[in-house]
């Protein structure tokens, strides 16, 4: 199973729990489904989560180290967060934003 398949499996297992919790909190279940899917998909540089990364890390030739993956993550994670927040604002404009009580 590749990285996308593993993220899909995680989302499939957790959505039946997350959506009712979101609905009971007065939030949009659709928004939480989108956010959960985006958040659980970040496994680009984790050998434990991404099979291709693990396969090519342990070859006879020198490929890359954990420090290389950490450096890559330091560049990719802020980009991932920026995309995540950008799409949240996009969905908020569609009416799927978080709803807060009047006192907050």
C-alpha atoms as a PDB file:
ATOM      1  CA  UNK A   1       0.000   0.000   0.000  1.00  0.00           C
ATOM      2  CA  UNK A   2       1.462   3.379  -0.929  1.00  0.00           C
ATOM      3  CA  UNK A   3       1.381   6.624   1.024  1.00  0.00           C
ATOM      4  CA  UNK A   4      -1.924   7.700  -0.500  1.00  0.00           C
ATOM      5  CA  UNK A   5      -3.510   4.348   0.277  1.00  0.00           C
ATOM      6  CA  UNK A   6      -2.321   4.439   3.884  1.00  0.00           C
ATOM      7  CA  UNK A   7      -3.654   7.967   4.357  1.00  0.00           C
ATOM      8  CA  UNK A   8      -6.948   6.859   2.844  1.00  0.00           C
ATOM      9  CA  UNK A   9      -7.074   3.902   5.242  1.00  0.00           C
ATOM     10  CA  UNK A  10      -6.466   6.212   8.206  1.00  0.00           C
ATOM     11  CA  UNK A  11      -9.157   8.630   7.077  1.00  0.00           C
ATOM     12  CA  UNK A  12     -11.597   5.799   6.419  1.00  0.00           C
ATOM     13  CA  UNK A  13     -11.048   4.457   9.931  1.00  0.00           C
ATOM     14  CA  UNK A  14     -11.230   7.834  11.683  1.00  0.00           C
ATOM     15  CA  UNK A  15     -13.994   9.638   9.768  1.00  0.00           C
ATOM     16  CA  UNK A  16     -16.830   7.657  11.373  1.00  0.00           C
ATOM     17  CA  UNK A  17     -15.538   8.980  14.711  1.00  0.00           C
ATOM     18  CA  UNK A  18     -14.566  12.533  13.696  1.00  0.00           C
ATOM     19  CA  UNK A  19     -17.726  13.505  11.811  1.00  0.00           C
ATOM     20  CA  UNK A  20     -20.191  12.742  14.650  1.00  0.00           C
ATOM     21  CA  UNK A  21     -17.900  14.545  17.113  1.00  0.00           C
ATOM     22  CA  UNK A  22     -17.821  17.573  14.783  1.00  0.00           C
ATOM     23  CA  UNK A  23     -21.599  17.503  14.382  1.00  0.00           C
ATOM     24  CA  UNK A  24     -22.170  17.211  18.149  1.00  0.00           C
ATOM     25  CA  UNK A  25     -19.919  20.258  18.604  1.00  0.00           C
ATOM     26  CA  UNK A  26     -22.095  22.198  16.155  1.00  0.00           C
ATOM     27  CA  UNK A  27     -19.496  22.150  13.374  1.00  0.00           C
ATOM     28  CA  UNK A  28     -19.669  21.103   9.747  1.00  0.00           C
ATOM     29  CA  UNK A  29     -19.034  17.398   9.260  1.00  0.00           C
ATOM     30  CA  UNK A  30     -18.012  18.072   5.656  1.00  0.00           C
ATOM     31  CA  UNK A  31     -15.351  20.574   6.775  1.00  0.00           C
ATOM     32  CA  UNK A  32     -13.926  18.111   9.276  1.00  0.00           C
ATOM     33  CA  UNK A  33     -13.886  15.371   6.632  1.00  0.00           C
ATOM     34  CA  UNK A  34     -11.860  17.625   4.295  1.00  0.00           C
ATOM     35  CA  UNK A  35      -9.540  18.764   7.081  1.00  0.00           C
ATOM     36  CA  UNK A  36      -8.951  15.209   8.319  1.00  0.00           C
ATOM     37  CA  UNK A  37      -8.167  14.011   4.813  1.00  0.00           C
ATOM     38  CA  UNK A  38      -5.661  16.825   4.262  1.00  0.00           C
ATOM     39  CA  UNK A  39      -4.024  16.531   7.672  1.00  0.00           C
ATOM     40  CA  UNK A  40      -3.589  12.767   7.585  1.00  0.00           C
ATOM     41  CA  UNK A  41      -2.044  12.841   4.128  1.00  0.00           C
ATOM     42  CA  UNK A  42       1.278  14.345   5.255  1.00  0.00           C
ATOM     43  CA  UNK A  43       3.576  11.334   5.114  1.00  0.00           C
ATOM     44  CA  UNK A  44       6.002  12.445   2.441  1.00  0.00           C
ATOM     45  CA  UNK A  45       9.175  12.150   4.472  1.00  0.00           C
ATOM     46  CA  UNK A  46       8.380   9.532   7.106  1.00  0.00           C
ATOM     47  CA  UNK A  47       9.944   6.132   6.365  1.00  0.00           C
ATOM     48  CA  UNK A  48       7.447   4.481   8.710  1.00  0.00           C
ATOM     49  CA  UNK A  49       4.500   5.869   6.710  1.00  0.00           C
ATOM     50  CA  UNK A  50       5.751   6.062   3.139  1.00  0.00           C
ATOM     51  CA  UNK A  51       6.815   2.737   1.678  1.00  0.00           C
ATOM     52  CA  UNK A  52       8.801   4.234  -1.261  1.00  0.00           C
ATOM     53  CA  UNK A  53      10.835   6.337   1.172  1.00  0.00           C
ATOM     54  CA  UNK A  54      11.558   3.268   3.280  1.00  0.00           C
ATOM     55  CA  UNK A  55      12.430   1.127   0.242  1.00  0.00           C
ATOM     56  CA  UNK A  56      14.965   3.550  -1.207  1.00  0.00           C
ATOM     57  CA  UNK A  57      16.491   4.444   2.157  1.00  0.00           C
ATOM     58  CA  UNK A  58      17.785   0.892   2.642  1.00  0.00           C
ATOM     59  CA  UNK A  59      19.628   0.035  -0.558  1.00  0.00           C
ATOM     60  CA  UNK A  60      23.196  -1.035  -1.213  1.00  0.00           C
ATOM     61  CA  UNK A  61      24.040   2.406  -2.573  1.00  0.00           C
ATOM     62  CA  UNK A  62      24.046   5.482  -0.389  1.00  0.00           C
ATOM     63  CA  UNK A  63      20.797   7.386  -0.967  1.00  0.00           C
ATOM     64  CA  UNK A  64      19.709   9.701   1.841  1.00  0.00           C
ATOM     65  CA  UNK A  65      19.755   9.790   5.602  1.00  0.00           C
ATOM     66  CA  UNK A  66      17.250  10.693   8.269  1.00  0.00           C
ATOM     67  CA  UNK A  67      18.863  14.115   8.457  1.00  0.00           C
ATOM     68  CA  UNK A  68      18.166  14.657   4.746  1.00  0.00           C
ATOM     69  CA  UNK A  69      14.513  13.778   5.323  1.00  0.00           C
ATOM     70  CA  UNK A  70      14.365  16.134   8.299  1.00  0.00           C
ATOM     71  CA  UNK A  71      15.732  18.972   6.168  1.00  0.00           C
ATOM     72  CA  UNK A  72      13.193  18.188   3.463  1.00  0.00           C
ATOM     73  CA  UNK A  73      10.390  18.163   6.049  1.00  0.00           C
ATOM     74  CA  UNK A  74      11.509  21.539   7.368  1.00  0.00           C
ATOM     75  CA  UNK A  75      10.840  22.981   3.899  1.00  0.00           C
ATOM     76  CA  UNK A  76       7.717  20.996   3.055  1.00  0.00           C
ATOM     77  CA  UNK A  77       5.786  21.227   6.328  1.00  0.00           C
ATOM     78  CA  UNK A  78       5.331  25.040   6.227  1.00  0.00           C
ATOM     79  CA  UNK A  79       4.183  24.700   2.617  1.00  0.00           C
ATOM     80  CA  UNK A  80       1.754  21.964   3.674  1.00  0.00           C
ATOM     81  CA  UNK A  81       0.390  24.192   6.470  1.00  0.00           C
ATOM     82  CA  UNK A  82       0.048  27.152   4.081  1.00  0.00           C
ATOM     83  CA  UNK A  83      -1.896  25.022   1.598  1.00  0.00           C
ATOM     84  CA  UNK A  84      -3.989  23.594   4.427  1.00  0.00           C
ATOM     85  CA  UNK A  85      -4.893  27.087   5.701  1.00  0.00           C
ATOM     86  CA  UNK A  86      -5.461  28.384   2.181  1.00  0.00           C
ATOM     87  CA  UNK A  87      -7.933  25.646   1.404  1.00  0.00           C
ATOM     88  CA  UNK A  88      -9.582  26.124   4.805  1.00  0.00           C
ATOM     89  CA  UNK A  89     -10.240  29.770   3.888  1.00  0.00           C
ATOM     90  CA  UNK A  90     -11.503  28.667   0.476  1.00  0.00           C
ATOM     91  CA  UNK A  91     -13.951  26.252   2.103  1.00  0.00           C
ATOM     92  CA  UNK A  92     -14.893  28.911   4.664  1.00  0.00           C
ATOM     93  CA  UNK A  93     -15.981  31.150   1.789  1.00  0.00           C
ATOM     94  CA  UNK A  94     -18.182  28.286   0.588  1.00  0.00           C
ATOM     95  CA  UNK A  95     -19.920  28.266   3.971  1.00  0.00           C
ATOM     96  CA  UNK A  96     -18.027  25.338   5.490  1.00  0.00           C
ATOM     97  CA  UNK A  97     -16.055  27.337   8.065  1.00  0.00           C
ATOM     98  CA  UNK A  98     -15.889  26.698  11.780  1.00  0.00           C
ATOM     99  CA  UNK A  99     -18.752  28.134  13.803  1.00  0.00           C
ATOM    100  CA  UNK A 100     -17.984  29.699  17.165  1.00  0.00           C
ATOM    101  CA  UNK A 101     -20.470  30.559  19.935  1.00  0.00           C
ATOM    102  CA  UNK A 102     -21.478  34.225  20.125  1.00  0.00           C
ATOM    103  CA  UNK A 103     -19.429  34.814  23.301  1.00  0.00           C
ATOM    104  CA  UNK A 104     -16.089  33.907  21.716  1.00  0.00           C
END
